[in-house]
Amino acid sequence: MPFTIRAHDGWGSVTVGSFQTLEEARQAFASLRADPWYVKDGGMRALELLHQQAGGMPERLDWYSIR
């Protein structure tokens, strides 16, 4: 899947979801930003939206710092 959302915390990062279209990825990213668990958890530090092109490094499309 070409679009991925990662969550970052004090231990590293984890993939939250992968999406076929940018529209789906942006909707999920916005939903996570508005989710009180992510914002008030205390452990979460950031969310990142990435675009993975074949054979290349992922390109960051969006970043949301929770702290």
PDB file of N, CA and C in Angstrom:
ATOM      1  N   MET A   1       0.841  -1.169   0.000  1.00  0.00           N
ATOM      2  CA  MET A   1       0.000   0.000   0.000  1.00  0.00           C
ATOM      3  C   MET A   1       0.894   1.243   0.000  1.00  0.00           C
ATOM      4  N   PRO A   2       0.563   2.201  -0.797  1.00  0.00           N
ATOM      5  CA  PRO A   2       1.478   3.334  -0.959  1.00  0.00           C
ATOM      6  C   PRO A   2       1.429   4.384   0.150  1.00  0.00           C
ATOM      7  N   PHE A   3       0.393   4.398   0.997  1.00  0.00           N
ATOM      8  CA  PHE A   3       0.296   5.417   2.045  1.00  0.00           C
ATOM      9  C   PHE A   3       0.225   4.737   3.407  1.00  0.00           C
ATOM     10  N   THR A   4       1.014   5.239   4.346  1.00  0.00           N
ATOM     11  CA  THR A   4       1.115   4.629   5.671  1.00  0.00           C
ATOM     12  C   THR A   4       1.047   5.709   6.747  1.00  0.00           C
ATOM     13  N   ILE A   5       0.413   5.374   7.854  1.00  0.00           N
ATOM     14  CA  ILE A   5       0.422   6.236   9.032  1.00  0.00           C
ATOM     15  C   ILE A   5       1.218   5.526  10.114  1.00  0.00           C
ATOM     16  N   ARG A   6       2.142   6.249  10.719  1.00  0.00           N
ATOM     17  CA  ARG A   6       2.930   5.732  11.835  1.00  0.00           C
ATOM     18  C   ARG A   6       2.662   6.579  13.067  1.00  0.00           C
ATOM     19  N   ALA A   7       2.622   5.924  14.223  1.00  0.00           N
ATOM     20  CA  ALA A   7       2.529   6.606  15.509  1.00  0.00           C
ATOM     21  C   ALA A   7       3.894   6.496  16.181  1.00  0.00           C
ATOM     22  N   HIS A   8       4.327   7.576  16.810  1.00  0.00           N
ATOM     23  CA  HIS A   8       5.616   7.615  17.493  1.00  0.00           C
ATOM     24  C   HIS A   8       5.389   7.813  18.985  1.00  0.00           C
ATOM     25  N   ASP A   9       6.130   7.038  19.790  1.00  0.00           N
ATOM     26  CA  ASP A   9       6.085   7.208  21.237  1.00  0.00           C
ATOM     27  C   ASP A   9       7.506   7.114  21.776  1.00  0.00           C
ATOM     28  N   GLY A  10       7.661   7.013  23.071  1.00  0.00           N
ATOM     29  CA  GLY A  10       8.976   6.987  23.687  1.00  0.00           C
ATOM     30  C   GLY A  10       9.782   5.740  23.373  1.00  0.00           C
ATOM     31  N   TRP A  11       9.156   4.699  22.833  1.00  0.00           N
ATOM     32  CA  TRP A  11       9.837   3.441  22.544  1.00  0.00           C
ATOM     33  C   TRP A  11      10.154   3.272  21.069  1.00  0.00           C
ATOM     34  N   GLY A  12       9.624   4.137  20.210  1.00  0.00           N
ATOM     35  CA  GLY A  12       9.874   4.011  18.779  1.00  0.00           C
ATOM     36  C   GLY A  12       8.647   4.368  17.974  1.00  0.00           C
ATOM     37  N   SER A  13       8.466   3.682  16.861  1.00  0.00           N
ATOM     38  CA  SER A  13       7.306   3.953  16.014  1.00  0.00           C
ATOM     39  C   SER A  13       6.656   2.641  15.592  1.00  0.00           C
ATOM     40  N   VAL A  14       5.374   2.740  15.282  1.00  0.00           N
ATOM     41  CA  VAL A  14       4.610   1.577  14.846  1.00  0.00           C
ATOM     42  C   VAL A  14       3.657   2.020  13.737  1.00  0.00           C
ATOM     43  N   THR A  15       3.463   1.158  12.772  1.00  0.00           N
ATOM     44  CA  THR A  15       2.516   1.434  11.697  1.00  0.00           C
ATOM     45  C   THR A  15       1.102   1.271  12.230  1.00  0.00           C
ATOM     46  N   VAL A  16       0.306   2.303  12.076  1.00  0.00           N
ATOM     47  CA  VAL A  16      -1.085   2.297  12.532  1.00  0.00           C
ATOM     48  C   VAL A  16      -1.992   1.790  11.424  1.00  0.00           C
ATOM     49  N   GLY A  17      -1.670   2.118  10.182  1.00  0.00           N
ATOM     50  CA  GLY A  17      -2.496   1.682   9.068  1.00  0.00           C
ATOM     51  C   GLY A  17      -1.843   1.962   7.733  1.00  0.00           C
ATOM     52  N   SER A  18      -2.277   1.214   6.731  1.00  0.00           N
ATOM     53  CA  SER A  18      -1.804   1.398   5.355  1.00  0.00           C
ATOM     54  C   SER A  18      -3.026   1.565   4.457  1.00  0.00           C
ATOM     55  N   PHE A  19      -2.892   2.416   3.446  1.00  0.00           N
ATOM     56  CA  PHE A  19      -4.034   2.806   2.630  1.00  0.00           C
ATOM     57  C   PHE A  19      -3.656   2.863   1.157  1.00  0.00           C
ATOM     58  N   GLN A  20      -4.621   2.586   0.300  1.00  0.00           N
ATOM     59  CA  GLN A  20      -4.413   2.626  -1.141  1.00  0.00           C
ATOM     60  C   GLN A  20      -4.428   4.045  -1.690  1.00  0.00           C
ATOM     61  N   THR A  21      -5.281   4.901  -1.125  1.00  0.00           N
ATOM     62  CA  THR A  21      -5.417   6.251  -1.678  1.00  0.00           C
ATOM     63  C   THR A  21      -5.015   7.301  -0.645  1.00  0.00           C
ATOM     64  N   LEU A  22      -4.592   8.440  -1.144  1.00  0.00           N
ATOM     65  CA  LEU A  22      -4.231   9.548  -0.275  1.00  0.00           C
ATOM     66  C   LEU A  22      -5.453  10.047   0.486  1.00  0.00           C
ATOM     67  N   GLU A  23      -6.603  10.051  -0.146  1.00  0.00           N
ATOM     68  CA  GLU A  23      -7.832  10.510   0.515  1.00  0.00           C
ATOM     69  C   GLU A  23      -8.149   9.647   1.733  1.00  0.00           C
ATOM     70  N   GLU A  24      -8.061   8.328   1.600  1.00  0.00           N
ATOM     71  CA  GLU A  24      -8.305   7.433   2.739  1.00  0.00           C
ATOM     72  C   GLU A  24      -7.284   7.684   3.852  1.00  0.00           C
ATOM     73  N   ALA A  25      -6.038   7.848   3.471  1.00  0.00           N
ATOM     74  CA  ALA A  25      -4.973   8.069   4.447  1.00  0.00           C
ATOM     75  C   ALA A  25      -5.176   9.391   5.178  1.00  0.00           C
ATOM     76  N   ARG A  26      -5.543  10.436   4.468  1.00  0.00           N
ATOM     77  CA  ARG A  26      -5.755  11.744   5.101  1.00  0.00           C
ATOM     78  C   ARG A  26      -6.966  11.722   6.043  1.00  0.00           C
ATOM     79  N   GLN A  27      -8.016  10.987   5.671  1.00  0.00           N
ATOM     80  CA  GLN A  27      -9.180  10.865   6.547  1.00  0.00           C
ATOM     81  C   GLN A  27      -8.806  10.147   7.845  1.00  0.00           C
ATOM     82  N   ALA A  28      -8.054   9.070   7.735  1.00  0.00           N
ATOM     83  CA  ALA A  28      -7.621   8.332   8.923  1.00  0.00           C
ATOM     84  C   ALA A  28      -6.688   9.182   9.776  1.00  0.00           C
ATOM     85  N   PHE A  29      -5.773   9.913   9.145  1.00  0.00           N
ATOM     86  CA  PHE A  29      -4.839  10.789   9.856  1.00  0.00           C
ATOM     87  C   PHE A  29      -5.609  11.849  10.650  1.00  0.00           C
ATOM     88  N   ALA A  30      -6.604  12.466  10.031  1.00  0.00           N
ATOM     89  CA  ALA A  30      -7.418  13.478  10.705  1.00  0.00           C
ATOM     90  C   ALA A  30      -8.198  12.860  11.867  1.00  0.00           C
ATOM     91  N   SER A  31      -8.709  11.655  11.686  1.00  0.00           N
ATOM     92  CA  SER A  31      -9.443  10.982  12.759  1.00  0.00           C
ATOM     93  C   SER A  31      -8.535  10.689  13.950  1.00  0.00           C
ATOM     94  N   LEU A  32      -7.322  10.251  13.687  1.00  0.00           N
ATOM     95  CA  LEU A  32      -6.375   9.976  14.772  1.00  0.00           C
ATOM     96  C   LEU A  32      -5.992  11.253  15.504  1.00  0.00           C
ATOM     97  N   ARG A  33      -5.804  12.331  14.767  1.00  0.00           N
ATOM     98  CA  ARG A  33      -5.469  13.617  15.392  1.00  0.00           C
ATOM     99  C   ARG A  33      -6.586  14.070  16.333  1.00  0.00           C
ATOM    100  N   ALA A  34      -7.813  13.750  16.017  1.00  0.00           N
ATOM    101  CA  ALA A  34      -8.961  14.161  16.825  1.00  0.00           C
ATOM    102  C   ALA A  34      -9.309  13.149  17.920  1.00  0.00           C
ATOM    103  N   ASP A  35      -8.662  11.994  17.919  1.00  0.00           N
ATOM    104  CA  ASP A  35      -8.956  10.933  18.889  1.00  0.00           C
ATOM    105  C   ASP A  35      -8.381  11.289  20.255  1.00  0.00           C
ATOM    106  N   PRO A  36      -9.215  11.407  21.286  1.00  0.00           N
ATOM    107  CA  PRO A  36      -8.718  11.802  22.605  1.00  0.00           C
ATOM    108  C   PRO A  36      -7.685  10.834  23.176  1.00  0.00           C
ATOM    109  N   TRP A  37      -7.760   9.551  22.845  1.00  0.00           N
ATOM    110  CA  TRP A  37      -6.786   8.597  23.373  1.00  0.00           C
ATOM    111  C   TRP A  37      -5.378   8.962  22.908  1.00  0.00           C
ATOM    112  N   TYR A  38      -5.220   9.283  21.637  1.00  0.00           N
ATOM    113  CA  TYR A  38      -3.896   9.650  21.128  1.00  0.00           C
ATOM    114  C   TYR A  38      -3.419  10.968  21.726  1.00  0.00           C
ATOM    115  N   VAL A  39      -4.304  11.922  21.855  1.00  0.00           N
ATOM    116  CA  VAL A  39      -3.925  13.251  22.315  1.00  0.00           C
ATOM    117  C   VAL A  39      -3.642  13.262  23.819  1.00  0.00           C
ATOM    118  N   LYS A  40      -4.438  12.538  24.605  1.00  0.00           N
ATOM    119  CA  LYS A  40      -4.319  12.593  26.065  1.00  0.00           C
ATOM    120  C   LYS A  40      -3.621  11.392  26.672  1.00  0.00           C
ATOM    121  N   ASP A  41      -3.189  10.446  25.886  1.00  0.00           N
ATOM    122  CA  ASP A  41      -2.554   9.229  26.380  1.00  0.00           C
ATOM    123  C   ASP A  41      -1.317   9.522  27.216  1.00  0.00           C
ATOM    124  N   GLY A  42      -0.552  10.525  26.825  1.00  0.00           N
ATOM    125  CA  GLY A  42       0.668  10.863  27.539  1.00  0.00           C
ATOM    126  C   GLY A  42       1.900  10.178  26.977  1.00  0.00           C
ATOM    127  N   GLY A  43       1.726   9.029  26.350  1.00  0.00           N
ATOM    128  CA  GLY A  43       2.866   8.311  25.779  1.00  0.00           C
ATOM    129  C   GLY A  43       3.083   8.602  24.310  1.00  0.00           C
ATOM    130  N   MET A  44       2.009   8.941  23.617  1.00  0.00           N
ATOM    131  CA  MET A  44       2.114   9.222  22.197  1.00  0.00           C
ATOM    132  C   MET A  44       2.762  10.588  21.989  1.00  0.00           C
ATOM    133  N   ARG A  45       3.678  10.648  21.030  1.00  0.00           N
ATOM    134  CA  ARG A  45       4.378  11.899  20.779  1.00  0.00           C
ATOM    135  C   ARG A  45       4.064  12.515  19.418  1.00  0.00           C
ATOM    136  N   ALA A  46       3.784  11.660  18.421  1.00  0.00           N
ATOM    137  CA  ALA A  46       3.555  12.205  17.080  1.00  0.00           C
ATOM    138  C   ALA A  46       2.860  11.188  16.186  1.00  0.00           C
ATOM    139  N   LEU A  47       2.256  11.711  15.137  1.00  0.00           N
ATOM    140  CA  LEU A  47       1.706  10.911  14.048  1.00  0.00           C
ATOM    141  C   LEU A  47       2.376  11.371  12.762  1.00  0.00           C
ATOM    142  N   GLU A  48       2.574  10.442  11.845  1.00  0.00           N
ATOM    143  CA  GLU A  48       3.268  10.745  10.590  1.00  0.00           C
ATOM    144  C   GLU A  48       2.547  10.053   9.441  1.00  0.00           C
ATOM    145  N   LEU A  49       2.322  10.792   8.362  1.00  0.00           N
ATOM    146  CA  LEU A  49       1.718  10.249   7.144  1.00  0.00           C
ATOM    147  C   LEU A  49       2.806  10.151   6.090  1.00  0.00           C
ATOM    148  N   LEU A  50       3.004   8.944   5.563  1.00  0.00           N
ATOM    149  CA  LEU A  50       4.084   8.690   4.605  1.00  0.00           C
ATOM    150  C   LEU A  50       3.541   8.188   3.278  1.00  0.00           C
ATOM    151  N   HIS A  51       4.262   8.522   2.213  1.00  0.00           N
ATOM    152  CA  HIS A  51       3.984   7.999   0.875  1.00  0.00           C
ATOM    153  C   HIS A  51       5.182   7.156   0.459  1.00  0.00           C
ATOM    154  N   GLN A  52       4.936   5.876   0.192  1.00  0.00           N
ATOM    155  CA  GLN A  52       6.011   4.959  -0.213  1.00  0.00           C
ATOM    156  C   GLN A  52       5.976   4.752  -1.719  1.00  0.00           C
ATOM    157  N   GLN A  53       7.007   5.217  -2.389  1.00  0.00           N
ATOM    158  CA  GLN A  53       7.117   4.985  -3.825  1.00  0.00           C
ATOM    159  C   GLN A  53       7.958   3.741  -4.050  1.00  0.00           C
ATOM    160  N   ALA A  54       7.660   3.016  -5.104  1.00  0.00           N
ATOM    161  CA  ALA A  54       8.362   1.769  -5.392  1.00  0.00           C
ATOM    162  C   ALA A  54       9.867   1.986  -5.441  1.00  0.00           C
ATOM    163  N   GLY A  55      10.579   1.208  -4.640  1.00  0.00           N
ATOM    164  CA  GLY A  55      12.036   1.232  -4.673  1.00  0.00           C
ATOM    165  C   GLY A  55      12.694   2.431  -4.022  1.00  0.00           C
ATOM    166  N   GLY A  56      11.935   3.308  -3.398  1.00  0.00           N
ATOM    167  CA  GLY A  56      12.524   4.509  -2.812  1.00  0.00           C
ATOM    168  C   GLY A  56      12.233   4.628  -1.330  1.00  0.00           C
ATOM    169  N   MET A  57      12.805   5.633  -0.747  1.00  0.00           N
ATOM    170  CA  MET A  57      12.556   5.927   0.660  1.00  0.00           C
ATOM    171  C   MET A  57      11.174   6.549   0.806  1.00  0.00           C
ATOM    172  N   PRO A  58      10.484   6.314   1.920  1.00  0.00           N
ATOM    173  CA  PRO A  58       9.184   6.944   2.111  1.00  0.00           C
ATOM    174  C   PRO A  58       9.308   8.467   2.215  1.00  0.00           C
ATOM    175  N   GLU A  59       8.346   9.154   1.662  1.00  0.00           N
ATOM    176  CA  GLU A  59       8.303  10.613   1.720  1.00  0.00           C
ATOM    177  C   GLU A  59       7.253  11.032   2.747  1.00  0.00           C
ATOM    178  N   ARG A  60       7.629  11.889   3.678  1.00  0.00           N
ATOM    179  CA  ARG A  60       6.685  12.376   4.684  1.00  0.00           C
ATOM    180  C   ARG A  60       5.768  13.413   4.050  1.00  0.00           C
ATOM    181  N   LEU A  61       4.459  13.161   4.155  1.00  0.00           N
ATOM    182  CA  LEU A  61       3.464  14.092   3.631  1.00  0.00           C
ATOM    183  C   LEU A  61       2.890  14.978   4.723  1.00  0.00           C
ATOM    184  N   ASP A  62       2.835  14.449   5.945  1.00  0.00           N
ATOM    185  CA  ASP A  62       2.271  15.223   7.044  1.00  0.00           C
ATOM    186  C   ASP A  62       2.834  14.716   8.357  1.00  0.00           C
ATOM    187  N   TRP A  63       2.897  15.612   9.340  1.00  0.00           N
ATOM    188  CA  TRP A  63       3.421  15.299  10.675  1.00  0.00           C
ATOM    189  C   TRP A  63       2.568  16.038  11.684  1.00  0.00           C
ATOM    190  N   TYR A  64       2.214  15.366  12.767  1.00  0.00           N
ATOM    191  CA  TYR A  64       1.450  15.997  13.828  1.00  0.00           C
ATOM    192  C   TYR A  64       2.132  15.703  15.149  1.00  0.00           C
ATOM    193  N   SER A  65       2.619  16.728  15.802  1.00  0.00           N
ATOM    194  CA  SER A  65       3.272  16.592  17.095  1.00  0.00           C
ATOM    195  C   SER A  65       2.217  16.707  18.187  1.00  0.00           C
ATOM    196  N   ILE A  66       2.129  15.702  19.041  1.00  0.00           N
ATOM    197  CA  ILE A  66       1.118  15.678  20.079  1.00  0.00           C
ATOM    198  C   ILE A  66       1.562  16.468  21.293  1.00  0.00           C
ATOM    199  N   ARG A  67       2.831  16.543  21.528  1.00  0.00           N
ATOM    200  CA  ARG A  67       3.334  17.286  22.696  1.00  0.00           C
ATOM    201  C   ARG A  67       3.767  18.662  22.316  1.00  0.00           C
TER     202      ARG A  67
END
